[in-house]
Amino acid sequence: MDKWLLLTVFGQVLLTSVLLILMGRRRFAAARRGELSMDAFALMQLDKANAQVIATGRNFDNQFQMPMLYLFAVVFILQQGLADASFVLMGAFYLLLRVFHALIHTGSNRLRWRFRTFVYSCAVLWVIWLRLLWLLFFG
């Protein structure tokens, strides 16, 4: 089960990498169109960029917030030898929700869908942590 759980971590790394590439492409395209000057990049003052550039940058930043708690949970799960089908399924579901969140945020950016997807992913993450806590201290 360890390798299957690690596969969800590789998925998160892939998602973050894809967002990095998308963010770069959108920023360079905005600069080519004259929407951003090179001076804006010097201090990362991109507040005058279009909505897609800003949303993609913020979503990339998001990958270093709540998903870090998932990555730490996986480290603890593996270190304690607790990887099982339940953690793998929850990890896969968490990753899927993060992918949907990124697609919404960098695409249509429909706030209601984005917010719900974020909340659902947080709920899955909390369940992972609560199960880990339970298994460590009561299991």
N, C-alpha and C. Protein backbone atom coordinates (compact mmCIF):
# COMPACT_ATOMS: atom_id res chain seq x y z
N MET A 1 0.81 -1.23 0.00
CA MET A 1 0.00 0.00 0.00
C MET A 1 0.84 1.28 0.00
N ASP A 2 2.07 1.15 0.49
CA ASP A 2 2.92 2.34 0.56
C ASP A 2 3.09 2.99 -0.81
N LYS A 3 3.36 2.18 -1.82
CA LYS A 3 3.60 2.72 -3.16
C LYS A 3 2.34 3.38 -3.72
N TRP A 4 1.18 2.81 -3.43
CA TRP A 4 -0.07 3.41 -3.92
C TRP A 4 -0.32 4.75 -3.25
N LEU A 5 -0.01 4.83 -1.96
CA LEU A 5 -0.16 6.10 -1.26
C LEU A 5 0.83 7.13 -1.81
N LEU A 6 2.05 6.69 -2.07
CA LEU A 6 3.03 7.61 -2.67
C LEU A 6 2.61 8.08 -4.05
N LEU A 7 1.85 7.27 -4.75
CA LEU A 7 1.36 7.68 -6.07
C LEU A 7 0.50 8.94 -5.96
N THR A 8 -0.26 9.09 -4.87
CA THR A 8 -1.05 10.32 -4.69
C THR A 8 -0.14 11.52 -4.46
N VAL A 9 1.01 11.30 -3.82
CA VAL A 9 1.98 12.38 -3.62
C VAL A 9 2.58 12.78 -4.97
N PHE A 10 2.93 11.78 -5.79
CA PHE A 10 3.44 12.09 -7.13
C PHE A 10 2.38 12.85 -7.94
N GLY A 11 1.11 12.51 -7.74
CA GLY A 11 0.04 13.24 -8.41
C GLY A 11 0.00 14.69 -7.99
N GLN A 12 0.19 14.95 -6.70
CA GLN A 12 0.21 16.32 -6.20
C GLN A 12 1.41 17.08 -6.77
N VAL A 13 2.55 16.41 -6.86
CA VAL A 13 3.75 17.03 -7.45
C VAL A 13 3.49 17.35 -8.93
N LEU A 14 2.86 16.42 -9.63
CA LEU A 14 2.53 16.65 -11.04
C LEU A 14 1.57 17.83 -11.19
N LEU A 15 0.53 17.88 -10.36
CA LEU A 15 -0.42 19.00 -10.40
C LEU A 15 0.31 20.32 -10.20
N THR A 16 1.16 20.39 -9.19
CA THR A 16 1.91 21.62 -8.91
C THR A 16 2.80 21.99 -10.09
N SER A 17 3.43 21.00 -10.69
CA SER A 17 4.31 21.25 -11.83
C SER A 17 3.54 21.75 -13.05
N VAL A 18 2.39 21.16 -13.31
CA VAL A 18 1.56 21.61 -14.42
C VAL A 18 1.11 23.05 -14.20
N LEU A 19 0.75 23.37 -12.97
CA LEU A 19 0.33 24.74 -12.66
C LEU A 19 1.49 25.72 -12.81
N LEU A 20 2.69 25.30 -12.46
CA LEU A 20 3.86 26.15 -12.64
C LEU A 20 4.06 26.48 -14.11
N ILE A 21 3.94 25.47 -14.95
CA ILE A 21 4.10 25.69 -16.40
C ILE A 21 2.99 26.58 -16.94
N LEU A 22 1.75 26.31 -16.53
CA LEU A 22 0.62 27.13 -16.97
C LEU A 22 0.78 28.57 -16.52
N MET A 23 1.21 28.76 -15.28
CA MET A 23 1.41 30.11 -14.76
C MET A 23 2.47 30.84 -15.59
N GLY A 24 3.57 30.17 -15.88
CA GLY A 24 4.62 30.80 -16.68
C GLY A 24 4.14 31.16 -18.07
N ARG A 25 3.42 30.23 -18.69
CA ARG A 25 2.91 30.50 -20.04
C ARG A 25 1.96 31.69 -20.05
N ARG A 26 1.07 31.76 -19.06
CA ARG A 26 0.11 32.86 -19.01
C ARG A 26 0.80 34.19 -18.72
N ARG A 27 1.80 34.17 -17.86
CA ARG A 27 2.54 35.40 -17.56
C ARG A 27 3.31 35.89 -18.78
N PHE A 28 4.02 34.98 -19.46
CA PHE A 28 4.78 35.38 -20.65
C PHE A 28 3.85 35.87 -21.76
N ALA A 29 2.70 35.23 -21.90
CA ALA A 29 1.74 35.67 -22.92
C ALA A 29 1.25 37.08 -22.61
N ALA A 30 0.97 37.34 -21.34
CA ALA A 30 0.52 38.69 -20.95
C ALA A 30 1.62 39.71 -21.21
N ALA A 31 2.86 39.35 -20.97
CA ALA A 31 3.98 40.27 -21.23
C ALA A 31 4.13 40.52 -22.73
N ARG A 32 3.99 39.46 -23.55
CA ARG A 32 4.08 39.64 -25.00
C ARG A 32 2.99 40.54 -25.54
N ARG A 33 1.80 40.45 -24.92
CA ARG A 33 0.69 41.31 -25.36
C ARG A 33 0.80 42.73 -24.81
N GLY A 34 1.80 42.97 -23.98
CA GLY A 34 1.99 44.31 -23.43
C GLY A 34 1.15 44.60 -22.21
N GLU A 35 0.49 43.59 -21.66
CA GLU A 35 -0.33 43.79 -20.47
C GLU A 35 0.53 43.94 -19.21
N LEU A 36 1.73 43.39 -19.25
CA LEU A 36 2.66 43.47 -18.13
C LEU A 36 4.02 43.89 -18.65
N SER A 37 4.69 44.74 -17.89
CA SER A 37 6.05 45.13 -18.27
C SER A 37 7.03 44.22 -17.53
N MET A 38 8.24 44.22 -17.98
CA MET A 38 9.27 43.42 -17.31
C MET A 38 9.51 43.95 -15.90
N ASP A 39 9.30 45.26 -15.70
CA ASP A 39 9.43 45.83 -14.36
C ASP A 39 8.43 45.22 -13.39
N ALA A 40 7.25 44.86 -13.89
CA ALA A 40 6.25 44.23 -13.04
C ALA A 40 6.76 42.90 -12.50
N PHE A 41 7.56 42.19 -13.31
CA PHE A 41 8.10 40.90 -12.89
C PHE A 41 9.25 41.07 -11.90
N ALA A 42 9.97 42.18 -11.98
CA ALA A 42 11.11 42.39 -11.10
C ALA A 42 10.70 42.32 -9.64
N LEU A 43 9.58 42.92 -9.30
CA LEU A 43 9.09 42.91 -7.92
C LEU A 43 7.80 42.10 -7.76
N MET A 44 7.46 41.36 -8.83
CA MET A 44 6.24 40.52 -8.84
C MET A 44 5.00 41.35 -8.49
N GLN A 45 4.91 42.53 -9.07
CA GLN A 45 3.73 43.38 -8.91
C GLN A 45 2.82 43.11 -10.10
N LEU A 46 2.08 42.02 -9.98
CA LEU A 46 1.26 41.56 -11.10
C LEU A 46 -0.21 41.89 -10.91
N ASP A 47 -0.51 42.86 -10.05
CA ASP A 47 -1.90 43.22 -9.77
C ASP A 47 -2.61 43.80 -10.99
N LYS A 48 -1.87 44.23 -11.99
CA LYS A 48 -2.50 44.77 -13.20
C LYS A 48 -2.67 43.71 -14.29
N ALA A 49 -2.28 42.48 -13.97
CA ALA A 49 -2.41 41.39 -14.93
C ALA A 49 -3.88 41.02 -15.08
N ASN A 50 -4.17 40.26 -16.13
CA ASN A 50 -5.56 39.83 -16.32
C ASN A 50 -5.94 38.77 -15.28
N ALA A 51 -7.23 38.49 -15.19
CA ALA A 51 -7.75 37.59 -14.15
C ALA A 51 -7.15 36.19 -14.24
N GLN A 52 -6.93 35.69 -15.46
CA GLN A 52 -6.36 34.35 -15.61
C GLN A 52 -4.94 34.28 -15.07
N VAL A 53 -4.15 35.29 -15.31
CA VAL A 53 -2.78 35.32 -14.81
C VAL A 53 -2.79 35.33 -13.29
N ILE A 54 -3.62 36.18 -12.71
CA ILE A 54 -3.69 36.28 -11.25
C ILE A 54 -4.21 34.99 -10.65
N ALA A 55 -5.30 34.43 -11.19
CA ALA A 55 -5.88 33.21 -10.64
C ALA A 55 -4.92 32.03 -10.72
N THR A 56 -4.20 31.93 -11.82
CA THR A 56 -3.25 30.82 -11.98
C THR A 56 -2.10 30.96 -10.97
N GLY A 57 -1.61 32.16 -10.79
CA GLY A 57 -0.56 32.39 -9.80
C GLY A 57 -1.02 32.08 -8.39
N ARG A 58 -2.24 32.47 -8.09
CA ARG A 58 -2.77 32.19 -6.74
C ARG A 58 -3.01 30.70 -6.55
N ASN A 59 -3.45 30.03 -7.60
CA ASN A 59 -3.66 28.59 -7.47
C ASN A 59 -2.34 27.87 -7.29
N PHE A 60 -1.32 28.30 -8.00
CA PHE A 60 0.01 27.72 -7.79
C PHE A 60 0.43 27.90 -6.34
N ASP A 61 0.25 29.11 -5.80
CA ASP A 61 0.57 29.36 -4.39
C ASP A 61 -0.25 28.45 -3.47
N ASN A 62 -1.51 28.21 -3.83
CA ASN A 62 -2.37 27.34 -3.02
C ASN A 62 -1.78 25.95 -2.83
N GLN A 63 -0.99 25.50 -3.80
CA GLN A 63 -0.42 24.15 -3.73
C GLN A 63 0.61 24.01 -2.61
N PHE A 64 0.99 25.13 -2.01
CA PHE A 64 1.94 25.11 -0.91
C PHE A 64 1.27 25.49 0.41
N GLN A 65 -0.04 25.33 0.45
CA GLN A 65 -0.79 25.61 1.66
C GLN A 65 -1.41 24.31 2.18
N MET A 66 -2.68 24.08 1.99
CA MET A 66 -3.33 22.88 2.52
C MET A 66 -2.70 21.58 2.01
N PRO A 67 -2.29 21.48 0.74
CA PRO A 67 -1.67 20.23 0.30
C PRO A 67 -0.41 19.86 1.09
N MET A 68 0.27 20.84 1.69
CA MET A 68 1.42 20.50 2.52
C MET A 68 0.99 19.66 3.72
N LEU A 69 -0.20 19.94 4.25
CA LEU A 69 -0.70 19.14 5.37
C LEU A 69 -0.97 17.71 4.92
N TYR A 70 -1.40 17.54 3.67
CA TYR A 70 -1.59 16.19 3.14
C TYR A 70 -0.24 15.48 3.03
N LEU A 71 0.76 16.18 2.51
CA LEU A 71 2.07 15.57 2.34
C LEU A 71 2.68 15.18 3.68
N PHE A 72 2.51 16.00 4.69
CA PHE A 72 2.99 15.64 6.03
C PHE A 72 2.24 14.42 6.56
N ALA A 73 0.95 14.36 6.33
CA ALA A 73 0.18 13.21 6.78
C ALA A 73 0.70 11.93 6.14
N VAL A 74 1.00 11.99 4.84
CA VAL A 74 1.53 10.81 4.15
C VAL A 74 2.87 10.40 4.74
N VAL A 75 3.72 11.36 5.04
CA VAL A 75 5.01 11.04 5.66
C VAL A 75 4.79 10.30 6.98
N PHE A 76 3.88 10.81 7.81
CA PHE A 76 3.62 10.17 9.10
C PHE A 76 2.99 8.79 8.93
N ILE A 77 2.05 8.68 8.00
CA ILE A 77 1.41 7.39 7.73
C ILE A 77 2.45 6.35 7.32
N LEU A 78 3.34 6.73 6.41
CA LEU A 78 4.37 5.80 5.94
C LEU A 78 5.38 5.49 7.05
N GLN A 79 5.76 6.50 7.79
CA GLN A 79 6.75 6.31 8.85
C GLN A 79 6.23 5.37 9.93
N GLN A 80 4.93 5.42 10.18
CA GLN A 80 4.32 4.57 11.21
C GLN A 80 3.85 3.23 10.66
N GLY A 81 4.00 3.01 9.36
CA GLY A 81 3.58 1.74 8.76
C GLY A 81 2.07 1.56 8.76
N LEU A 82 1.34 2.64 8.57
CA LEU A 82 -0.12 2.60 8.66
C LEU A 82 -0.82 2.66 7.30
N ALA A 83 -0.06 2.66 6.22
CA ALA A 83 -0.68 2.77 4.89
C ALA A 83 -1.60 1.58 4.65
N ASP A 84 -2.84 1.88 4.27
CA ASP A 84 -3.81 0.84 3.94
C ASP A 84 -4.73 1.37 2.84
N ALA A 85 -5.65 0.53 2.42
CA ALA A 85 -6.55 0.90 1.32
C ALA A 85 -7.37 2.14 1.65
N SER A 86 -7.74 2.32 2.89
CA SER A 86 -8.54 3.48 3.30
C SER A 86 -7.76 4.78 3.09
N PHE A 87 -6.51 4.80 3.53
CA PHE A 87 -5.69 6.00 3.32
C PHE A 87 -5.44 6.25 1.84
N VAL A 88 -5.22 5.17 1.09
CA VAL A 88 -4.99 5.32 -0.35
C VAL A 88 -6.22 5.91 -1.03
N LEU A 89 -7.40 5.41 -0.70
CA LEU A 89 -8.64 5.93 -1.31
C LEU A 89 -8.89 7.38 -0.92
N MET A 90 -8.69 7.68 0.35
CA MET A 90 -8.88 9.07 0.78
C MET A 90 -7.85 9.98 0.12
N GLY A 91 -6.62 9.50 -0.02
CA GLY A 91 -5.58 10.28 -0.69
C GLY A 91 -5.91 10.53 -2.15
N ALA A 92 -6.42 9.49 -2.81
CA ALA A 92 -6.81 9.64 -4.22
C ALA A 92 -7.97 10.62 -4.35
N PHE A 93 -8.93 10.54 -3.44
CA PHE A 93 -10.07 11.45 -3.46
C PHE A 93 -9.60 12.88 -3.19
N TYR A 94 -8.68 13.04 -2.24
CA TYR A 94 -8.13 14.37 -1.95
C TYR A 94 -7.45 14.95 -3.19
N LEU A 95 -6.62 14.14 -3.83
CA LEU A 95 -5.93 14.60 -5.03
C LEU A 95 -6.91 14.98 -6.13
N LEU A 96 -7.92 14.16 -6.33
CA LEU A 96 -8.93 14.44 -7.35
C LEU A 96 -9.63 15.78 -7.07
N LEU A 97 -9.97 16.02 -5.82
CA LEU A 97 -10.60 17.30 -5.46
C LEU A 97 -9.64 18.47 -5.70
N ARG A 98 -8.36 18.28 -5.41
CA ARG A 98 -7.38 19.34 -5.66
C ARG A 98 -7.25 19.62 -7.16
N VAL A 99 -7.30 18.57 -7.97
CA VAL A 99 -7.25 18.76 -9.43
C VAL A 99 -8.48 19.54 -9.88
N PHE A 100 -9.67 19.14 -9.40
CA PHE A 100 -10.90 19.86 -9.77
C PHE A 100 -10.81 21.32 -9.33
N HIS A 101 -10.31 21.55 -8.12
CA HIS A 101 -10.17 22.91 -7.62
C HIS A 101 -9.27 23.73 -8.54
N ALA A 102 -8.15 23.15 -8.95
CA ALA A 102 -7.22 23.85 -9.84
C ALA A 102 -7.86 24.13 -11.20
N LEU A 103 -8.59 23.15 -11.73
CA LEU A 103 -9.26 23.35 -13.02
C LEU A 103 -10.29 24.47 -12.95
N ILE A 104 -11.04 24.50 -11.87
CA ILE A 104 -12.05 25.55 -11.70
C ILE A 104 -11.36 26.91 -11.53
N HIS A 105 -10.36 26.96 -10.63
CA HIS A 105 -9.69 28.22 -10.32
C HIS A 105 -8.99 28.82 -11.53
N THR A 106 -8.36 27.98 -12.35
CA THR A 106 -7.62 28.48 -13.50
C THR A 106 -8.46 28.52 -14.77
N GLY A 107 -9.69 28.05 -14.68
CA GLY A 107 -10.59 28.03 -15.84
C GLY A 107 -11.74 29.00 -15.64
N SER A 108 -12.92 28.46 -15.40
CA SER A 108 -14.13 29.29 -15.26
C SER A 108 -14.10 30.17 -14.02
N ASN A 109 -13.40 29.72 -12.99
CA ASN A 109 -13.29 30.41 -11.70
C ASN A 109 -14.65 30.72 -11.09
N ARG A 110 -15.57 29.78 -11.26
CA ARG A 110 -16.88 29.94 -10.63
C ARG A 110 -16.72 29.76 -9.13
N LEU A 111 -16.96 30.84 -8.40
CA LEU A 111 -16.65 30.89 -6.98
C LEU A 111 -17.37 29.82 -6.17
N ARG A 112 -18.64 29.59 -6.44
CA ARG A 112 -19.40 28.60 -5.67
C ARG A 112 -18.80 27.21 -5.85
N TRP A 113 -18.49 26.83 -7.08
CA TRP A 113 -17.90 25.51 -7.34
C TRP A 113 -16.51 25.42 -6.71
N ARG A 114 -15.75 26.47 -6.86
CA ARG A 114 -14.39 26.48 -6.32
C ARG A 114 -14.41 26.35 -4.80
N PHE A 115 -15.29 27.12 -4.16
CA PHE A 115 -15.39 27.08 -2.70
C PHE A 115 -15.82 25.70 -2.22
N ARG A 116 -16.83 25.12 -2.84
CA ARG A 116 -17.30 23.80 -2.42
C ARG A 116 -16.22 22.74 -2.58
N THR A 117 -15.52 22.80 -3.71
CA THR A 117 -14.46 21.84 -3.94
C THR A 117 -13.36 21.99 -2.89
N PHE A 118 -13.03 23.23 -2.56
CA PHE A 118 -12.03 23.49 -1.53
C PHE A 118 -12.49 22.93 -0.19
N VAL A 119 -13.72 23.20 0.18
CA VAL A 119 -14.23 22.73 1.47
C VAL A 119 -14.26 21.20 1.52
N TYR A 120 -14.68 20.56 0.44
CA TYR A 120 -14.70 19.10 0.39
C TYR A 120 -13.28 18.54 0.53
N SER A 121 -12.33 19.18 -0.14
CA SER A 121 -10.95 18.68 -0.03
C SER A 121 -10.43 18.85 1.40
N CYS A 122 -10.79 19.94 2.03
CA CYS A 122 -10.39 20.15 3.43
C CYS A 122 -11.03 19.09 4.34
N ALA A 123 -12.29 18.77 4.09
CA ALA A 123 -12.98 17.76 4.89
C ALA A 123 -12.29 16.40 4.75
N VAL A 124 -11.91 16.04 3.54
CA VAL A 124 -11.19 14.77 3.33
C VAL A 124 -9.86 14.82 4.08
N LEU A 125 -9.17 15.93 4.00
CA LEU A 125 -7.89 16.07 4.68
C LEU A 125 -8.06 15.93 6.19
N TRP A 126 -9.11 16.53 6.74
CA TRP A 126 -9.36 16.41 8.18
C TRP A 126 -9.66 14.97 8.58
N VAL A 127 -10.40 14.26 7.74
CA VAL A 127 -10.68 12.85 8.03
C VAL A 127 -9.39 12.04 8.02
N ILE A 128 -8.51 12.32 7.07
CA ILE A 128 -7.21 11.64 7.04
C ILE A 128 -6.46 11.88 8.34
N TRP A 129 -6.39 13.13 8.75
CA TRP A 129 -5.67 13.45 9.99
C TRP A 129 -6.34 12.85 11.21
N LEU A 130 -7.66 12.88 11.26
CA LEU A 130 -8.36 12.30 12.42
C LEU A 130 -8.15 10.79 12.48
N ARG A 131 -8.17 10.12 11.34
CA ARG A 131 -7.93 8.67 11.32
C ARG A 131 -6.49 8.38 11.73
N LEU A 132 -5.55 9.18 11.26
CA LEU A 132 -4.16 9.01 11.65
C LEU A 132 -4.01 9.18 13.17
N LEU A 133 -4.60 10.21 13.70
CA LEU A 133 -4.57 10.45 15.14
C LEU A 133 -5.16 9.27 15.90
N TRP A 134 -6.31 8.80 15.44
CA TRP A 134 -6.98 7.67 16.10
C TRP A 134 -6.08 6.42 16.09
N LEU A 135 -5.52 6.11 14.93
CA LEU A 135 -4.68 4.91 14.82
C LEU A 135 -3.42 5.02 15.67
N LEU A 136 -2.86 6.21 15.76
CA LEU A 136 -1.64 6.40 16.55
C LEU A 136 -1.87 6.24 18.05
N PHE A 137 -3.00 6.76 18.52
CA PHE A 137 -3.22 6.81 19.96
C PHE A 137 -4.25 5.82 20.49
N PHE A 138 -5.13 5.35 19.64
CA PHE A 138 -6.19 4.45 20.13
C PHE A 138 -6.30 3.15 19.36
N GLY A 139 -5.59 3.05 18.23
CA GLY A 139 -5.74 1.90 17.34
C GLY A 139 -4.86 0.78 17.62
